[in-house]
Amino acid sequence: MLRVTALGPLAALEPEPVQEHPLVAVGSGVHATRPADALTWTPVTFYRLDTGREYVHRNGRAPPRAGSLAV
């Protein structure tokens, strides 16, 4: 499950600032998600930098990962 939380000024425009989407494993460290209202799948990649910091790459953005991956 991928939990997405809208933050900042734009979060006030979202009717549901916290959304959860199922993840489907497609390969090593690569998953896909498709929100209920979407027609296509979105790739989601988890990776770790040399510093040890973990990130999630989705929709052209790569914020730090929060929480654990359980699939």
N, C-alpha and C. Protein backbone atom coordinates (compact mmCIF):
# COMPACT_ATOMS: atom_id res chain seq x y z
N MET A 1 0.85 -1.17 0.00
CA MET A 1 0.00 0.00 0.00
C MET A 1 0.90 1.24 0.00
N LEU A 2 0.59 2.18 -0.84
CA LEU A 2 1.32 3.45 -0.90
C LEU A 2 0.43 4.52 -0.31
N ARG A 3 0.91 5.18 0.73
CA ARG A 3 0.16 6.29 1.34
C ARG A 3 0.80 7.59 0.88
N VAL A 4 -0.02 8.46 0.29
CA VAL A 4 0.44 9.74 -0.23
C VAL A 4 -0.23 10.83 0.59
N THR A 5 0.58 11.74 1.14
CA THR A 5 0.05 12.83 1.95
C THR A 5 0.41 14.16 1.30
N ALA A 6 -0.60 14.93 0.91
CA ALA A 6 -0.37 16.26 0.34
C ALA A 6 0.04 17.20 1.47
N LEU A 7 1.08 17.99 1.21
CA LEU A 7 1.59 18.93 2.20
C LEU A 7 1.66 20.34 1.63
N GLY A 8 1.83 21.31 2.48
CA GLY A 8 2.01 22.68 2.02
C GLY A 8 0.70 23.34 1.64
N PRO A 9 0.80 24.49 0.98
CA PRO A 9 -0.39 25.28 0.65
C PRO A 9 -1.38 24.54 -0.25
N LEU A 10 -0.88 23.69 -1.14
CA LEU A 10 -1.78 22.97 -2.05
C LEU A 10 -2.60 21.89 -1.35
N ALA A 11 -2.17 21.47 -0.18
CA ALA A 11 -2.91 20.44 0.56
C ALA A 11 -4.32 20.93 0.91
N ALA A 12 -4.46 22.23 1.12
CA ALA A 12 -5.78 22.78 1.47
C ALA A 12 -6.77 22.64 0.31
N LEU A 13 -6.25 22.47 -0.91
CA LEU A 13 -7.12 22.34 -2.08
C LEU A 13 -7.59 20.90 -2.30
N GLU A 14 -6.97 19.97 -1.62
CA GLU A 14 -7.30 18.55 -1.77
C GLU A 14 -8.45 18.17 -0.84
N PRO A 15 -9.51 17.55 -1.37
CA PRO A 15 -10.59 17.11 -0.48
C PRO A 15 -10.12 16.01 0.47
N GLU A 16 -9.20 15.17 0.01
CA GLU A 16 -8.62 14.10 0.84
C GLU A 16 -7.10 14.24 0.76
N PRO A 17 -6.46 14.96 1.69
CA PRO A 17 -5.01 15.15 1.61
C PRO A 17 -4.20 13.87 1.83
N VAL A 18 -4.80 12.85 2.43
CA VAL A 18 -4.12 11.56 2.60
C VAL A 18 -4.86 10.52 1.77
N GLN A 19 -4.11 9.88 0.86
CA GLN A 19 -4.69 8.86 0.00
C GLN A 19 -3.85 7.60 0.09
N GLU A 20 -4.49 6.45 -0.06
CA GLU A 20 -3.79 5.17 -0.09
C GLU A 20 -4.10 4.48 -1.40
N HIS A 21 -3.05 3.91 -2.00
CA HIS A 21 -3.18 3.22 -3.28
C HIS A 21 -2.48 1.87 -3.19
N PRO A 22 -3.09 0.81 -3.70
CA PRO A 22 -2.43 -0.49 -3.71
C PRO A 22 -1.18 -0.46 -4.59
N LEU A 23 -0.15 -1.19 -4.18
CA LEU A 23 1.08 -1.33 -4.96
C LEU A 23 1.16 -2.75 -5.50
N VAL A 24 1.62 -2.88 -6.73
CA VAL A 24 1.83 -4.19 -7.34
C VAL A 24 3.32 -4.30 -7.66
N ALA A 25 3.97 -5.35 -7.18
CA ALA A 25 5.40 -5.54 -7.46
C ALA A 25 5.57 -5.91 -8.93
N VAL A 26 6.51 -5.22 -9.60
CA VAL A 26 6.78 -5.49 -11.01
C VAL A 26 8.21 -6.00 -11.20
N GLY A 27 9.09 -5.69 -10.27
CA GLY A 27 10.48 -6.12 -10.34
C GLY A 27 11.17 -5.77 -9.05
N SER A 28 12.46 -5.97 -9.01
CA SER A 28 13.24 -5.69 -7.80
C SER A 28 13.24 -4.19 -7.51
N GLY A 29 12.56 -3.79 -6.45
CA GLY A 29 12.50 -2.38 -6.07
C GLY A 29 11.56 -1.54 -6.92
N VAL A 30 10.88 -2.16 -7.87
CA VAL A 30 9.97 -1.42 -8.75
C VAL A 30 8.54 -1.93 -8.54
N HIS A 31 7.64 -1.00 -8.34
CA HIS A 31 6.23 -1.32 -8.15
C HIS A 31 5.41 -0.44 -9.08
N ALA A 32 4.13 -0.72 -9.15
CA ALA A 32 3.21 0.11 -9.92
C ALA A 32 1.97 0.34 -9.10
N THR A 33 1.34 1.48 -9.30
CA THR A 33 0.11 1.80 -8.61
C THR A 33 -0.86 2.44 -9.60
N ARG A 34 -2.13 2.26 -9.35
CA ARG A 34 -3.14 2.88 -10.19
C ARG A 34 -4.31 3.29 -9.30
N PRO A 35 -4.40 4.59 -9.00
CA PRO A 35 -5.54 5.05 -8.22
C PRO A 35 -6.85 4.71 -8.91
N ALA A 36 -7.91 4.61 -8.16
CA ALA A 36 -9.21 4.18 -8.68
C ALA A 36 -9.68 5.03 -9.86
N ASP A 37 -9.37 6.32 -9.86
CA ASP A 37 -9.84 7.20 -10.94
C ASP A 37 -8.87 7.31 -12.11
N ALA A 38 -7.76 6.56 -12.08
CA ALA A 38 -6.74 6.64 -13.14
C ALA A 38 -6.95 5.55 -14.19
N LEU A 39 -6.56 5.86 -15.41
CA LEU A 39 -6.66 4.89 -16.50
C LEU A 39 -5.37 4.10 -16.70
N THR A 40 -4.25 4.67 -16.26
CA THR A 40 -2.96 4.02 -16.49
C THR A 40 -2.24 3.78 -15.16
N TRP A 41 -1.27 2.88 -15.22
CA TRP A 41 -0.44 2.57 -14.06
C TRP A 41 0.69 3.57 -13.95
N THR A 42 1.12 3.84 -12.72
CA THR A 42 2.24 4.74 -12.45
C THR A 42 3.35 3.93 -11.80
N PRO A 43 4.58 3.99 -12.35
CA PRO A 43 5.69 3.29 -11.71
C PRO A 43 6.09 3.97 -10.41
N VAL A 44 6.49 3.15 -9.45
CA VAL A 44 6.96 3.63 -8.16
C VAL A 44 8.26 2.88 -7.87
N THR A 45 9.35 3.63 -7.68
CA THR A 45 10.66 3.01 -7.45
C THR A 45 11.19 3.44 -6.09
N PHE A 46 11.66 2.47 -5.34
CA PHE A 46 12.28 2.73 -4.04
C PHE A 46 13.78 2.56 -4.19
N TYR A 47 14.55 3.50 -3.63
CA TYR A 47 16.00 3.37 -3.73
C TYR A 47 16.67 4.04 -2.53
N ARG A 48 17.94 3.71 -2.35
CA ARG A 48 18.72 4.23 -1.22
C ARG A 48 19.98 4.88 -1.76
N LEU A 49 20.29 6.09 -1.26
CA LEU A 49 21.52 6.76 -1.63
C LEU A 49 22.69 6.20 -0.82
N ASP A 50 23.91 6.54 -1.21
CA ASP A 50 25.09 6.09 -0.47
C ASP A 50 25.07 6.56 0.98
N THR A 51 24.35 7.64 1.25
CA THR A 51 24.23 8.16 2.61
C THR A 51 23.33 7.30 3.49
N GLY A 52 22.59 6.37 2.85
CA GLY A 52 21.64 5.53 3.58
C GLY A 52 20.22 6.06 3.55
N ARG A 53 20.04 7.28 3.10
CA ARG A 53 18.70 7.88 3.03
C ARG A 53 17.89 7.20 1.93
N GLU A 54 16.64 6.85 2.23
CA GLU A 54 15.77 6.16 1.28
C GLU A 54 14.78 7.13 0.66
N TYR A 55 14.49 6.89 -0.62
CA TYR A 55 13.58 7.75 -1.36
C TYR A 55 12.58 6.91 -2.12
N VAL A 56 11.46 7.53 -2.47
CA VAL A 56 10.46 6.89 -3.34
C VAL A 56 10.28 7.82 -4.54
N HIS A 57 10.42 7.27 -5.74
CA HIS A 57 10.30 8.06 -6.96
C HIS A 57 8.95 7.74 -7.60
N ARG A 58 8.13 8.79 -7.75
CA ARG A 58 6.77 8.63 -8.31
C ARG A 58 6.35 9.94 -8.94
N ASN A 59 5.81 9.87 -10.13
CA ASN A 59 5.29 11.06 -10.83
C ASN A 59 6.33 12.16 -10.99
N GLY A 60 7.56 11.78 -11.28
CA GLY A 60 8.61 12.77 -11.52
C GLY A 60 9.15 13.43 -10.27
N ARG A 61 8.78 12.93 -9.11
CA ARG A 61 9.27 13.49 -7.84
C ARG A 61 9.89 12.38 -7.02
N ALA A 62 10.83 12.76 -6.17
CA ALA A 62 11.50 11.77 -5.34
C ALA A 62 11.65 12.28 -3.91
N PRO A 63 10.56 12.26 -3.14
CA PRO A 63 10.66 12.68 -1.74
C PRO A 63 11.28 11.58 -0.89
N PRO A 64 11.81 11.94 0.28
CA PRO A 64 12.32 10.90 1.20
C PRO A 64 11.19 9.95 1.56
N ARG A 65 11.55 8.68 1.66
CA ARG A 65 10.56 7.66 2.02
C ARG A 65 10.28 7.72 3.51
N ALA A 66 9.01 7.61 3.86
CA ALA A 66 8.61 7.56 5.26
C ALA A 66 7.93 6.23 5.49
N GLY A 67 8.25 5.57 6.56
CA GLY A 67 7.62 4.29 6.84
C GLY A 67 8.34 3.13 6.18
N SER A 68 7.74 1.96 6.29
CA SER A 68 8.39 0.76 5.78
C SER A 68 7.64 0.22 4.58
N LEU A 69 8.34 -0.57 3.80
CA LEU A 69 7.75 -1.21 2.64
C LEU A 69 7.29 -2.60 3.04
N ALA A 70 6.00 -2.85 2.94
CA ALA A 70 5.46 -4.16 3.25
C ALA A 70 4.58 -4.60 2.10
N VAL A 71 5.08 -5.51 1.31
CA VAL A 71 4.29 -6.01 0.17
C VAL A 71 4.26 -7.51 0.21
